[in-house]
Protein backbone atom coordinates (compact mmCIF):
# COMPACT_ATOMS: atom_id res chain seq x y z
CA UNK A 1 236.75 106.83 138.01
CA UNK A 2 233.65 108.71 138.84
CA UNK A 3 233.86 110.52 135.63
CA UNK A 4 233.90 107.70 133.27
CA UNK A 5 230.35 107.19 131.72
CA UNK A 6 228.95 104.00 130.42
CA UNK A 7 229.35 105.14 126.76
CA UNK A 8 233.18 105.70 127.48
CA UNK A 9 233.51 102.24 129.01
CA UNK A 10 231.92 100.86 126.06
CA UNK A 11 234.41 102.65 123.81
CA UNK A 12 237.36 101.63 125.49
CA UNK A 13 236.23 97.96 125.93
CA UNK A 14 235.62 97.68 122.27
CA UNK A 15 239.20 98.56 121.89
CA UNK A 16 240.65 95.80 124.08
CA UNK A 17 241.63 92.86 122.47
CA UNK A 18 241.40 90.79 125.73
CA UNK A 19 238.00 92.07 126.31
CA UNK A 20 236.81 91.06 122.93
CA UNK A 21 238.38 87.80 123.28
CA UNK A 22 236.44 87.19 126.61
CA UNK A 23 233.23 88.39 124.99
CA UNK A 24 233.69 86.03 122.20
CA UNK A 25 234.29 83.08 124.53
CA UNK A 26 231.35 83.60 126.63
CA UNK A 27 229.19 84.17 123.44
CA UNK A 28 230.26 80.62 122.66
CA UNK A 29 229.44 79.22 126.20
CA UNK A 30 225.86 80.99 125.92
CA UNK A 31 225.46 79.54 122.51
CA UNK A 32 226.39 76.01 123.78
CA UNK A 33 223.77 76.59 126.98
CA UNK A 34 221.02 77.44 124.66
CA UNK A 35 221.70 74.40 122.35
CA UNK A 36 221.87 72.13 125.63
CA UNK A 37 218.60 73.49 126.79
CA UNK A 38 216.96 73.17 123.22
CA UNK A 39 218.61 70.01 121.93
CA UNK A 40 218.80 67.78 125.05
CA UNK A 41 215.37 67.02 126.81
CA UNK A 42 215.18 67.82 130.42
CA UNK A 43 214.29 64.11 130.91
CA UNK A 44 217.71 63.32 129.92
CA UNK A 45 219.18 65.95 132.45
CA UNK A 46 216.97 64.77 135.17
CA UNK A 47 217.81 61.06 134.60
CA UNK A 48 221.39 61.67 134.79
CA UNK A 49 222.06 59.35 137.84
CA UNK A 50 219.51 56.84 136.83
CA UNK A 51 221.57 53.63 135.61
CA UNK A 52 218.19 52.16 133.77
CA UNK A 53 218.41 55.41 131.77
CA UNK A 54 221.76 54.54 130.12
CA UNK A 55 221.71 50.69 129.94
CA UNK A 56 221.82 50.30 126.22
CA UNK A 57 224.92 52.70 126.00
CA UNK A 58 228.49 51.16 126.38
CA UNK A 59 230.86 51.26 129.26
CA UNK A 60 233.81 53.57 129.02
CA UNK A 61 233.50 53.93 125.24
CA UNK A 62 236.09 56.45 123.58
CA UNK A 63 234.81 59.21 121.27
CA UNK A 64 233.96 58.38 117.75
CA UNK A 65 236.13 61.31 116.50
CA UNK A 66 239.28 59.22 117.63
CA UNK A 67 238.65 56.82 114.63
CA UNK A 68 239.93 59.81 112.24
CA UNK A 69 243.47 59.13 113.59
CA UNK A 70 243.48 55.47 113.61
CA UNK A 71 244.84 53.20 111.00
CA UNK A 72 242.28 50.41 112.14
CA UNK A 73 238.82 52.01 112.93
CA UNK A 74 237.47 51.29 116.37
CA UNK A 75 233.99 49.51 116.25
CA UNK A 76 231.24 52.33 116.73
CA UNK A 77 228.34 51.67 119.33
CA UNK A 78 225.34 51.70 117.22
CA UNK A 79 221.71 51.66 118.72
CA UNK A 80 219.51 51.35 115.69
CA UNK A 81 215.75 52.17 116.24
CA UNK A 82 214.27 52.59 113.01
CA UNK A 83 213.72 49.29 111.40
CA UNK A 84 212.08 48.29 108.06
CA UNK A 85 209.13 46.82 108.95
CA UNK A 86 206.73 44.53 106.97
CA UNK A 87 203.71 42.56 107.65
CA UNK A 88 202.13 39.86 105.70
CA UNK A 89 199.58 37.37 106.45
CA UNK A 90 198.77 33.82 104.93
CA UNK A 91 195.36 32.42 106.01
CA UNK A 92 195.78 32.24 109.87
CA UNK A 93 199.49 32.90 109.96
CA UNK A 94 200.46 36.51 110.31
CA UNK A 95 204.18 37.68 110.18
CA UNK A 96 205.60 40.95 111.51
CA UNK A 97 209.18 41.18 109.92
CA UNK A 98 211.70 43.95 111.22
CA UNK A 99 215.00 44.42 109.31
CA UNK A 100 218.08 46.34 110.30
CA UNK A 101 220.86 47.42 107.92
CA UNK A 102 224.36 47.66 109.63
CA UNK A 103 227.35 48.89 107.79
CA UNK A 104 230.29 47.12 109.62
CA UNK A 105 233.61 48.75 108.28
CA UNK A 106 236.10 48.09 111.31
CA UNK A 107 239.26 46.29 111.94
CA UNK A 108 238.02 44.82 115.10
CA UNK A 109 235.08 42.69 116.28
CA UNK A 110 232.24 44.29 118.28
CA UNK A 111 231.57 43.73 121.69
CA UNK A 112 228.05 42.18 121.44
CA UNK A 113 224.66 42.60 119.83
CA UNK A 114 221.54 43.12 121.55
CA UNK A 115 217.99 43.00 120.31
CA UNK A 116 215.47 45.04 122.62
CA UNK A 117 211.73 44.78 121.78
CA UNK A 118 208.38 45.26 123.24
CA UNK A 119 205.33 43.41 121.65
CA UNK A 120 201.53 43.53 122.10
CA UNK A 121 199.92 40.05 121.37
CA UNK A 122 197.74 37.42 122.18
CA UNK A 123 197.83 33.34 121.95
CA UNK A 124 201.23 32.36 120.98
CA UNK A 125 203.86 34.03 119.07
CA UNK A 126 207.03 32.59 117.67
CA UNK A 127 210.31 34.81 117.49
CA UNK A 128 212.95 33.97 114.76
CA UNK A 129 216.13 36.04 114.52
CA UNK A 130 218.73 35.68 111.63
CA UNK A 131 221.43 37.80 109.94
CA UNK A 132 222.55 37.71 106.28
CA UNK A 133 226.23 38.75 105.95
CA UNK A 134 227.98 40.40 103.15
CA UNK A 135 229.23 37.36 101.53
CA UNK A 136 225.68 36.48 101.16
CA UNK A 137 225.70 33.52 103.98
CA UNK A 138 222.55 33.34 106.02
CA UNK A 139 223.02 32.47 109.69
CA UNK A 140 219.94 31.36 112.13
CA UNK A 141 220.54 33.03 115.48
CA UNK A 142 217.56 32.18 117.52
CA UNK A 143 214.23 30.47 117.33
CA UNK A 144 212.02 30.81 120.46
CA UNK A 145 208.39 31.24 121.51
CA UNK A 146 207.19 34.14 123.68
CA UNK A 147 205.15 33.46 126.64
CA UNK A 148 201.55 32.57 125.97
CA UNK A 149 198.74 34.69 126.95
CA UNK A 150 194.78 34.15 126.44
CA UNK A 151 194.49 37.99 126.56
CA UNK A 152 196.14 40.79 125.11
CA UNK A 153 199.60 41.18 126.99
CA UNK A 154 202.57 43.57 126.31
CA UNK A 155 205.74 41.60 126.47
CA UNK A 156 209.34 43.36 126.70
CA UNK A 157 212.62 41.33 126.37
CA UNK A 158 216.29 41.88 125.66
CA UNK A 159 218.06 39.24 123.40
CA UNK A 160 221.80 39.16 123.98
CA UNK A 161 224.35 37.57 121.94
CA UNK A 162 225.88 35.86 125.00
CA UNK A 163 222.60 33.78 124.96
CA UNK A 164 223.82 30.10 124.97
CA UNK A 165 220.92 29.12 122.48
CA UNK A 166 222.53 31.66 119.79
CA UNK A 167 225.89 30.17 120.23
CA UNK A 168 224.28 26.70 119.90
CA UNK A 169 222.72 27.54 116.78
CA UNK A 170 225.72 29.25 115.19
CA UNK A 171 227.96 26.15 116.15
CA UNK A 172 225.28 24.02 114.13
CA UNK A 173 226.02 25.96 111.11
CA UNK A 174 229.80 25.78 111.75
CA UNK A 175 230.54 23.77 108.30
CA UNK A 176 230.29 27.26 106.33
CA UNK A 177 233.63 28.28 108.05
CA UNK A 178 236.99 26.64 107.65
CA UNK A 179 238.32 26.83 111.30
CA UNK A 180 237.05 25.98 114.76
CA UNK A 181 234.38 27.95 116.39
CA UNK A 182 234.22 26.71 119.68
CA UNK A 183 236.56 29.38 121.46
CA UNK A 184 234.86 32.19 119.73
CA UNK A 185 231.87 34.28 120.87
CA UNK A 186 228.49 34.34 118.98
CA UNK A 187 229.35 38.26 118.03
CA UNK A 188 232.67 36.91 116.71
CA UNK A 189 231.42 33.97 114.64
CA UNK A 190 228.58 36.31 113.05
CA UNK A 191 231.22 39.21 111.94
CA UNK A 192 234.05 36.77 110.88
CA UNK A 193 235.34 35.79 107.51
CA UNK A 194 234.92 32.07 106.67
CA UNK A 195 238.55 31.26 106.17
CA UNK A 196 240.03 33.41 108.98
CA UNK A 197 239.06 34.49 112.37
CA UNK A 198 239.08 38.41 110.97
CA UNK A 199 236.45 40.86 110.87
CA UNK A 200 234.34 40.64 107.67
CA UNK A 201 233.59 44.19 106.58
CA UNK A 202 230.46 44.93 104.48
CA UNK A 203 226.61 45.33 105.18
CA UNK A 204 224.79 43.13 107.45
CA UNK A 205 220.96 42.64 107.54
CA UNK A 206 219.56 41.48 110.90
CA UNK A 207 215.96 40.07 110.50
CA UNK A 208 213.64 39.63 113.23
CA UNK A 209 210.53 37.68 112.50
CA UNK A 210 207.51 37.23 114.76
CA UNK A 211 204.82 34.71 113.67
CA UNK A 212 201.39 34.63 115.26
CA UNK A 213 198.11 32.72 114.90
CA UNK A 214 195.01 34.80 114.22
CA UNK A 215 196.58 37.47 116.35
CA UNK A 216 197.70 40.85 115.34
CA UNK A 217 201.27 41.80 116.67
CA UNK A 218 201.96 45.33 117.52
CA UNK A 219 205.34 46.48 118.27
CA UNK A 220 205.87 49.26 120.61
CA UNK A 221 209.75 49.29 120.58
CA UNK A 222 212.21 47.62 118.36
CA UNK A 223 215.84 48.22 118.82
CA UNK A 224 219.18 46.53 117.42
CA UNK A 225 222.30 47.43 119.64
CA UNK A 226 225.57 46.69 117.85
CA UNK A 227 228.13 46.95 120.90
CA UNK A 228 231.26 48.80 120.22
CA UNK A 229 234.23 50.46 121.85
CA UNK A 230 233.55 54.11 120.56
CA UNK A 231 230.54 56.41 121.04
CA UNK A 232 229.54 59.89 120.86
CA UNK A 233 231.46 63.14 120.41
CA UNK A 234 232.70 62.85 124.14
CA UNK A 235 232.57 59.01 124.90
CA UNK A 236 230.85 57.40 127.91
CA UNK A 237 231.87 56.86 131.55
CA UNK A 238 231.94 53.69 133.70
CA UNK A 239 228.20 54.17 134.42
CA UNK A 240 227.45 54.23 130.57
CA UNK A 241 226.29 57.93 130.60
CA UNK A 242 227.08 60.20 127.61
CA UNK A 243 229.41 62.57 128.58
CA UNK A 244 228.40 64.97 125.87
CA UNK A 245 225.10 65.37 127.87
CA UNK A 246 226.86 66.04 131.19
CA UNK A 247 229.37 68.71 129.49
CA UNK A 248 226.79 70.55 127.64
CA UNK A 249 224.29 70.57 130.35
CA UNK A 250 227.17 71.67 132.63
CA UNK A 251 227.56 74.88 130.83
CA UNK A 252 224.30 76.75 131.92
CA UNK A 253 224.83 75.20 135.21
CA UNK A 254 228.49 76.78 135.59
CA UNK A 255 227.19 80.18 134.06
CA UNK A 256 224.07 80.02 136.11
CA UNK A 257 226.21 79.47 139.38
CA UNK A 258 228.96 81.96 138.51
CA UNK A 259 226.65 84.76 137.33
CA UNK A 260 224.06 84.49 140.48
CA UNK A 261 226.63 84.23 143.00
CA UNK A 262 228.81 86.92 141.67
CA UNK A 263 225.93 89.50 141.02
CA UNK A 264 224.42 88.77 144.41
CA UNK A 265 227.74 89.03 146.15
CA UNK A 266 228.65 92.30 144.45
CA UNK A 267 225.15 93.91 145.05
CA UNK A 268 225.36 92.83 148.86
CA UNK A 269 229.07 94.10 149.04
CA UNK A 270 228.36 97.49 147.52
CA UNK A 271 225.30 98.09 149.55
CA UNK A 272 227.02 97.12 152.88
CA UNK A 273 230.28 98.91 152.16
CA UNK A 274 228.65 102.16 150.86
CA UNK A 275 226.45 102.38 153.78
CA UNK A 276 228.90 101.87 156.26
CA UNK A 277 231.29 104.25 154.55
CA UNK A 278 228.52 106.87 154.34
CA UNK A 279 227.35 106.33 157.89
CA UNK A 280 230.86 106.48 159.48
CA UNK A 281 231.48 106.80 163.19
CA UNK A 282 230.23 104.02 165.27
CA UNK A 283 228.16 102.28 162.61
CA UNK A 284 231.02 102.28 160.25
CA UNK A 285 233.11 100.45 163.11
CA UNK A 286 230.55 97.96 164.08
CA UNK A 287 229.77 96.98 160.27
CA UNK A 288 233.40 96.79 159.72
CA UNK A 289 234.49 94.42 162.67
CA UNK A 290 231.88 92.28 161.59
CA UNK A 291 233.15 92.18 157.94
CA UNK A 292 236.59 91.50 159.33
CA UNK A 293 235.00 88.34 161.22
CA UNK A 294 233.48 86.95 158.05
CA UNK A 295 236.57 87.86 155.70
CA UNK A 296 238.71 86.01 158.48
CA UNK A 297 236.76 82.78 158.30
CA UNK A 298 238.21 80.13 155.95
CA UNK A 299 235.70 79.87 153.26
CA UNK A 300 236.36 76.32 152.00
CA UNK A 301 236.32 74.41 155.30
CA UNK A 302 233.14 76.13 156.36
CA UNK A 303 231.54 75.34 153.08
CA UNK A 304 232.70 71.58 153.49
CA UNK A 305 231.09 71.64 156.95
CA UNK A 306 227.81 73.41 155.92
CA UNK A 307 227.29 71.04 152.87
CA UNK A 308 227.74 68.00 154.97
CA UNK A 309 225.66 69.05 158.22
CA UNK A 310 222.76 71.05 156.28
CA UNK A 311 222.34 70.06 152.70
CA UNK A 312 224.27 69.56 149.35
CA UNK A 313 221.55 71.12 147.27
CA UNK A 314 222.96 73.24 144.52
CA UNK A 315 220.78 76.23 145.44
CA UNK A 316 222.03 76.09 149.16
CA UNK A 317 225.43 75.87 147.78
CA UNK A 318 224.92 79.06 145.93
CA UNK A 319 223.62 80.71 148.94
CA UNK A 320 226.52 79.61 150.95
CA UNK A 321 229.01 81.18 148.29
CA UNK A 322 226.95 84.51 148.41
CA UNK A 323 227.71 84.40 152.17
CA UNK A 324 231.28 84.42 151.71
CA UNK A 325 231.81 86.39 148.46
CA UNK A 326 230.56 89.99 149.41
CA UNK A 327 232.95 90.94 152.31
CA UNK A 328 235.95 91.92 149.99
CA UNK A 329 233.82 93.94 147.84
CA UNK A 330 232.32 95.58 150.78
CA UNK A 331 235.80 96.79 151.97
CA UNK A 332 236.61 98.34 148.52
CA UNK A 333 233.17 99.92 148.26
CA UNK A 334 233.43 101.46 151.94
CA UNK A 335 236.74 103.21 150.89
CA UNK A 336 235.32 104.39 147.71
CA UNK A 337 232.11 105.64 149.63
CA UNK A 338 234.50 107.45 152.16
CA UNK A 339 235.79 109.52 149.33
CA UNK A 340 232.81 110.36 147.50
CA UNK A 341 230.75 111.45 150.40
CA UNK A 342 233.22 114.45 150.96
CA UNK A 343 232.44 115.73 147.47
CA UNK A 344 230.22 118.99 146.99
CA UNK A 345 227.22 117.80 145.52
CA UNK A 346 226.80 115.18 148.52
CA UNK A 347 227.15 117.88 150.94
CA UNK A 348 224.67 120.06 149.08
CA UNK A 349 222.34 117.17 149.03
CA UNK A 350 222.63 116.77 152.94
CA UNK A 351 222.12 120.75 153.11
CA UNK A 352 218.96 120.33 150.91
CA UNK A 353 217.36 117.65 153.58
CA UNK A 354 217.59 114.68 151.09
CA UNK A 355 217.23 111.47 152.90
CA UNK A 356 220.25 109.24 153.33
CA UNK A 357 218.84 106.48 151.40
CA UNK A 358 218.26 108.73 148.44
CA UNK A 359 221.79 110.22 148.68
CA UNK A 360 223.41 106.77 148.61
CA UNK A 361 221.27 105.50 145.87
CA UNK A 362 221.39 108.55 143.47
CA UNK A 363 224.77 110.16 144.45
CA UNK A 364 227.04 107.61 145.40
CA UNK A 365 226.26 103.98 144.08
CA UNK A 366 225.99 105.12 140.41
CA UNK A 367 229.69 106.21 140.90
CA UNK A 368 230.45 102.72 141.96
CA UNK A 369 228.76 101.02 139.04
CA UNK A 370 231.91 100.67 136.76
CA UNK A 371 233.86 98.86 139.54
CA UNK A 372 230.65 96.67 140.17
CA UNK A 373 230.86 95.55 136.57
CA UNK A 374 234.54 94.72 136.69
CA UNK A 375 233.93 93.06 140.24
CA UNK A 376 231.09 90.91 138.74
CA UNK A 377 233.22 89.61 135.92
CA UNK A 378 236.13 89.02 138.12
CA UNK A 379 233.88 86.99 140.80
CA UNK A 380 232.56 84.48 138.45
CA UNK A 381 235.45 82.21 138.12
CA UNK A 382 235.78 81.98 141.78
CA UNK A 383 232.19 80.71 142.13
CA UNK A 384 232.56 78.33 139.33
CA UNK A 385 235.91 76.87 140.69
CA UNK A 386 234.50 76.66 144.09
CA UNK A 387 231.64 74.52 143.31
CA UNK A 388 233.64 72.42 140.92
CA UNK A 389 236.23 71.84 143.83
CA UNK A 390 233.28 71.04 146.37
CA UNK A 391 231.58 68.63 143.67
CA UNK A 392 235.14 67.02 143.04
CA UNK A 393 235.23 66.38 146.72
CA UNK A 394 231.77 64.67 146.57
CA UNK A 395 229.96 67.54 148.53
CA UNK A 396 228.20 68.96 145.44
CA UNK A 397 224.65 68.22 144.24
CA UNK A 398 224.88 64.61 142.65
CA UNK A 399 221.57 65.31 140.78
CA UNK A 400 223.12 67.95 138.52
CA UNK A 401 225.72 66.96 135.99
CA UNK A 402 228.31 69.81 136.84
CA UNK A 403 231.71 69.70 135.55
CA UNK A 404 232.88 69.17 139.20
CA UNK A 405 230.54 66.11 139.57
CA UNK A 406 232.07 64.50 136.36
CA UNK A 407 235.50 64.91 137.71
CA UNK A 408 234.38 63.40 141.02
CA UNK A 409 233.04 60.22 139.32
CA UNK A 410 236.22 60.14 137.34
CA UNK A 411 238.13 59.99 140.26
CA UNK A 412 236.12 57.68 142.04
CA UNK A 413 236.64 55.22 139.35
CA UNK A 414 240.30 55.80 138.79
CA UNK A 415 239.92 57.34 135.22
CA UNK A 416 243.24 58.79 135.51
CA UNK A 417 245.11 55.43 136.20
CA UNK A 418 243.16 53.59 133.66
CA UNK A 419 244.05 56.02 130.79
CA UNK A 420 240.51 57.23 130.46
CA UNK A 421 241.44 60.96 129.12
CA UNK A 422 238.21 61.61 127.64
CA UNK A 423 236.57 61.58 130.96
CA UNK A 424 238.85 63.92 132.62
CA UNK A 425 240.09 66.41 130.05
CA UNK A 426 237.00 67.94 128.61
CA UNK A 427 235.36 68.95 132.12
CA UNK A 428 238.77 70.27 133.29
CA UNK A 429 239.04 72.37 130.08
CA UNK A 430 235.53 73.52 130.14
CA UNK A 431 236.25 75.01 133.84
CA UNK A 432 239.33 76.65 132.44
CA UNK A 433 237.69 78.23 129.55
CA UNK A 434 234.68 79.44 131.47
CA UNK A 435 236.94 81.00 133.95
CA UNK A 436 239.19 82.49 131.30
CA UNK A 437 236.42 84.15 129.80
CA UNK A 438 235.22 86.17 132.75
CA UNK A 439 238.91 86.87 133.64
CA UNK A 440 239.57 88.32 130.28
CA UNK A 441 236.16 90.59 130.47
CA UNK A 442 237.27 91.48 134.21
CA UNK A 443 240.64 92.36 133.45
CA UNK A 444 239.45 94.62 130.30
CA UNK A 445 237.01 96.39 132.54
CA UNK A 446 239.41 96.96 135.54
CA UNK A 447 241.71 98.68 133.36
CA UNK A 448 239.33 101.04 132.07
CA UNK A 449 237.93 102.04 135.40
CA UNK A 450 241.19 101.72 137.20
CA UNK A 451 243.32 104.78 136.06
CA UNK A 452 246.53 103.07 137.35
CA UNK A 453 246.11 99.76 135.48
CA UNK A 454 244.64 101.65 132.45
CA UNK A 455 248.01 103.35 132.00
C-alpha cells in the first residue's frame, strides 16, 4: 500500500466502473445542493416549521406529475399572484380592477378558491368579486365594504369560497342552472356545467373590483388561490409544506453532516492510532485501552441520551458522531503504524535526531493517506443514516428539514397507513442514493489500496 502514489490511485480509479458510478451520483447530489442553495431563498429554509409560511399551500397534495398517468386529471393547486391590473376614474369615483385568468381542465372540482389581498386606502372602499365562466355566464360572488378609515390605512383580508355571503349570492343566480344547487358548495357551483353537476372545462376570469371616493387605492398584495389536490414536483405534507423544498435542502445538509463527520473522524482516528503505534509500550497500551472503552460503548443509545439531555442541535449531533466515529479507524491506523515504524527510513530519521512529530507527519502519515481517503468515503453513509435514524426518532434538530426529519413527520401523521407514498418514498430513496454514492467510491478506493481486494 505504501508504494501507491496519488497518480496511480487516480489511474486505477478511472478504470473502476463502480467508482465512476459513485462519482457520477455524487456529482448529481452536489448539483442538487447548489441548485437548492441558489434557487430556494434562505428564508424559506428557515421558515420550514412555521405554519404561517405555508398557509396558502394545499394539505397532503399529490405531486402534479401523477396527472401524466391519469385518465382524468386531478385538479392542481394554483397560486396566481400576477393579476392584470387596471385603474380608472370617473369624477370622484376611482376604480382598481384585478383580473385573474384560470385555465381549468380537470375532471374533478377544485377544493376551494381564496382571494388574498392587502390594500392601502382611506375613507370607504367597496369590493366586488365576480367570475366569467367559459360559457360566457357571469356570476356575482361578493359585494362588501372594507372597514372605514378617516386616515390612510392598510387592510389585509382573505376571502374564502366557504363564505356564506358567496353561497347566498350564487343561490340568487340559480336560474341559469337546470338543477338544484342547495347541496353544492360555492366552488362546485362556479365550476359546474349549467345542465349537469359536472366540471365545466375552459378559461375562467375572476374579477375583483375596488371602488373608492376621492381616494387612491394602492394594492400591496393580490393573490387568487384555486385549491387543488395536486401541487409541486413532490407534493405537500399534512402541515402544507412543499416537500420539494425539504428534499432539496436536505441534500446539502446530508452532505455536510456526512463529510464533516467522516473527515473529522478519520483525521482524529489517524492521528490517535499513528501516535499510539509509534510511541509503543505503555503509551500504546493506555491509549488502546481507552480506545477499547469508547469502542465498547453502544453508540446509538448514547446518542439518544445525549440528544435528550444536552441538546438536539444539528451541530452538537455532528460533534457526538465524531466522538464515536474515530475509534475503529484508530485501531487500523495503529496496526499500520506499527509496521511502518520498523522500516529503514524511519530508523534513519530517528538516528538523525528528527523530532517524533516530524517523523509521524512526514514519514508515517503520508503512507496512510490512500487508506484515509477510502475510510472517509466509507464513513459518510454511516453518518448520514445515523442522523436520519435519530431524526426519525424525533431526536434530531427540528429547525432543519433533513430527510430523517421528513420521515419522522410522515410517521407522526400516519402517512404509511393513509397511503401518502410521496411523503415517505422520496426521502428514503435520497438517503439510499447518497449512501450508495459513497459506498461505490469507498469500495473502489479500498480495492485499489488493499492488494487483497484489488486482486
